[in-house]
Amino acid sequence: MKTSVKTTLFLVVFGLMVISAISANAQCAQCAATVASNSANGGSAANGLNNGILFLLGAPYLAVTVAGIIWYKKYRRKNVDLNIRDEKLNLN
């Protein structure tokens, strides 16, 4: 009974979050105005802004990957004895 109540509550909260979502502008007004005016004049500020966004997007993934590699190298098992029998198996 408790599981169905938790599931129902989760679905209600999730539904409210989806319904109440509003669109947001991705840039501040000053950045948007600068990029718009620079692009209209033939500049390449938009490319620099896009590269900066991609850099900021990739940084957390890189940090998690490095932490995962360090964790794997530090905590993986070494010199594990499997205790396998030397006799042959008869599968008939």
C-alpha atoms as a PDB file:
ATOM      1  CA  MET A   1       0.000   0.000   0.000  1.00  0.00           C
ATOM      2  CA  LYS A   2       2.813   2.412   0.813  1.00  0.00           C
ATOM      3  CA  THR A   3       4.480   1.813  -2.534  1.00  0.00           C
ATOM      4  CA  SER A   4       1.392   2.862  -4.464  1.00  0.00           C
ATOM      5  CA  VAL A   5       1.060   6.021  -2.372  1.00  0.00           C
ATOM      6  CA  LYS A   6       4.686   6.923  -3.024  1.00  0.00           C
ATOM      7  CA  THR A   7       4.291   6.236  -6.731  1.00  0.00           C
ATOM      8  CA  THR A   8       1.141   8.334  -6.925  1.00  0.00           C
ATOM      9  CA  LEU A   9       2.770  11.193  -5.036  1.00  0.00           C
ATOM     10  CA  PHE A  10       5.800  11.036  -7.325  1.00  0.00           C
ATOM     11  CA  LEU A  11       3.621  11.118 -10.444  1.00  0.00           C
ATOM     12  CA  VAL A  12       1.596  14.068  -9.111  1.00  0.00           C
ATOM     13  CA  VAL A  13       4.720  16.076  -8.258  1.00  0.00           C
ATOM     14  CA  PHE A  14       6.337  15.188 -11.589  1.00  0.00           C
ATOM     15  CA  GLY A  15       3.177  16.164 -13.453  1.00  0.00           C
ATOM     16  CA  LEU A  16       3.022  19.515 -11.662  1.00  0.00           C
ATOM     17  CA  MET A  17       6.655  20.194 -12.539  1.00  0.00           C
ATOM     18  CA  VAL A  18       6.047  19.411 -16.210  1.00  0.00           C
ATOM     19  CA  ILE A  19       2.897  21.520 -16.373  1.00  0.00           C
ATOM     20  CA  SER A  20       4.445  24.516 -14.617  1.00  0.00           C
ATOM     21  CA  ALA A  21       7.599  24.576 -16.764  1.00  0.00           C
ATOM     22  CA  ILE A  22       8.164  27.875 -18.519  1.00  0.00           C
ATOM     23  CA  SER A  23      10.647  28.668 -21.237  1.00  0.00           C
ATOM     24  CA  ALA A  24      13.690  30.690 -20.259  1.00  0.00           C
ATOM     25  CA  ASN A  25      16.145  32.756 -22.257  1.00  0.00           C
ATOM     26  CA  ALA A  26      19.573  31.177 -22.465  1.00  0.00           C
ATOM     27  CA  GLN A  27      21.527  34.404 -22.295  1.00  0.00           C
ATOM     28  CA  CYS A  28      21.437  37.593 -20.338  1.00  0.00           C
ATOM     29  CA  ALA A  29      20.129  40.652 -22.180  1.00  0.00           C
ATOM     30  CA  GLN A  30      23.558  42.215 -22.539  1.00  0.00           C
ATOM     31  CA  CYS A  31      25.122  39.062 -24.037  1.00  0.00           C
ATOM     32  CA  ALA A  32      22.217  38.586 -26.448  1.00  0.00           C
ATOM     33  CA  ALA A  33      22.419  42.219 -27.613  1.00  0.00           C
ATOM     34  CA  THR A  34      26.188  42.054 -28.092  1.00  0.00           C
ATOM     35  CA  VAL A  35      26.028  38.830 -30.099  1.00  0.00           C
ATOM     36  CA  ALA A  36      23.131  40.107 -32.212  1.00  0.00           C
ATOM     37  CA  SER A  37      24.857  43.371 -33.075  1.00  0.00           C
ATOM     38  CA  ASN A  38      28.198  41.647 -33.685  1.00  0.00           C
ATOM     39  CA  SER A  39      26.610  39.028 -35.971  1.00  0.00           C
ATOM     40  CA  ALA A  40      24.770  41.737 -37.909  1.00  0.00           C
ATOM     41  CA  ASN A  41      28.112  43.484 -38.539  1.00  0.00           C
ATOM     42  CA  GLY A  42      29.781  40.252 -39.721  1.00  0.00           C
ATOM     43  CA  GLY A  43      31.683  39.509 -36.493  1.00  0.00           C
ATOM     44  CA  SER A  44      32.395  36.112 -34.988  1.00  0.00           C
ATOM     45  CA  ALA A  45      31.440  36.699 -31.361  1.00  0.00           C
ATOM     46  CA  ALA A  46      28.702  34.084 -31.660  1.00  0.00           C
ATOM     47  CA  ASN A  47      31.299  31.403 -32.418  1.00  0.00           C
ATOM     48  CA  GLY A  48      33.286  32.358 -29.334  1.00  0.00           C
ATOM     49  CA  LEU A  49      30.168  32.297 -27.186  1.00  0.00           C
ATOM     50  CA  ASN A  50      29.192  28.877 -28.544  1.00  0.00           C
ATOM     51  CA  ASN A  51      32.690  27.511 -27.888  1.00  0.00           C
ATOM     52  CA  GLY A  52      32.523  28.819 -24.326  1.00  0.00           C
ATOM     53  CA  ILE A  53      29.166  27.137 -23.787  1.00  0.00           C
ATOM     54  CA  LEU A  54      30.520  23.837 -25.101  1.00  0.00           C
ATOM     55  CA  PHE A  55      33.561  24.133 -22.825  1.00  0.00           C
ATOM     56  CA  LEU A  56      31.345  24.730 -19.796  1.00  0.00           C
ATOM     57  CA  LEU A  57      29.115  21.830 -20.840  1.00  0.00           C
ATOM     58  CA  GLY A  58      32.023  19.402 -21.162  1.00  0.00           C
ATOM     59  CA  ALA A  59      33.819  20.315 -17.936  1.00  0.00           C
ATOM     60  CA  PRO A  60      31.526  18.371 -15.541  1.00  0.00           C
ATOM     61  CA  TYR A  61      31.671  15.270 -17.742  1.00  0.00           C
ATOM     62  CA  LEU A  62      35.443  15.463 -17.802  1.00  0.00           C
ATOM     63  CA  ALA A  63      35.578  15.843 -14.002  1.00  0.00           C
ATOM     64  CA  VAL A  64      33.304  12.830 -13.459  1.00  0.00           C
ATOM     65  CA  THR A  65      35.351  10.751 -15.911  1.00  0.00           C
ATOM     66  CA  VAL A  66      38.619  11.615 -14.168  1.00  0.00           C
ATOM     67  CA  ALA A  67      37.109  10.822 -10.761  1.00  0.00           C
ATOM     68  CA  GLY A  68      35.824   7.484 -12.101  1.00  0.00           C
ATOM     69  CA  ILE A  69      39.221   6.533 -13.502  1.00  0.00           C
ATOM     70  CA  ILE A  70      40.946   7.424 -10.237  1.00  0.00           C
ATOM     71  CA  TRP A  71      38.347   5.451  -8.240  1.00  0.00           C
ATOM     72  CA  TYR A  72      38.703   2.431 -10.546  1.00  0.00           C
ATOM     73  CA  LYS A  73      42.483   2.411 -10.342  1.00  0.00           C
ATOM     74  CA  LYS A  74      42.498   2.878  -6.568  1.00  0.00           C
ATOM     75  CA  TYR A  75      39.848   0.332  -5.584  1.00  0.00           C
ATOM     76  CA  ARG A  76      40.102  -2.438  -8.166  1.00  0.00           C
ATOM     77  CA  ARG A  77      41.082  -5.830  -6.819  1.00  0.00           C
ATOM     78  CA  LYS A  78      44.604  -7.058  -7.335  1.00  0.00           C
ATOM     79  CA  ASN A  79      46.000 -10.575  -6.848  1.00  0.00           C
ATOM     80  CA  VAL A  80      42.632 -12.293  -6.556  1.00  0.00           C
ATOM     81  CA  ASP A  81      42.804 -16.048  -5.905  1.00  0.00           C
ATOM     82  CA  LEU A  82      39.954 -17.795  -7.732  1.00  0.00           C
ATOM     83  CA  ASN A  83      40.370 -21.308  -6.207  1.00  0.00           C
ATOM     84  CA  ILE A  84      39.674 -23.203  -9.444  1.00  0.00           C
ATOM     85  CA  ARG A  85      39.932 -26.990  -9.335  1.00  0.00           C
ATOM     86  CA  ASP A  86      42.640 -28.591 -11.495  1.00  0.00           C
ATOM     87  CA  GLU A  87      40.516 -31.603 -12.515  1.00  0.00           C
ATOM     88  CA  LYS A  88      38.692 -31.685 -15.826  1.00  0.00           C
ATOM     89  CA  LEU A  89      34.925 -31.291 -15.926  1.00  0.00           C
ATOM     90  CA  ASN A  90      32.794 -34.130 -17.307  1.00  0.00           C
ATOM     91  CA  LEU A  91      29.782 -32.596 -18.995  1.00  0.00           C
ATOM     92  CA  ASN A  92      28.010 -35.893 -19.869  1.00  0.00           C
END
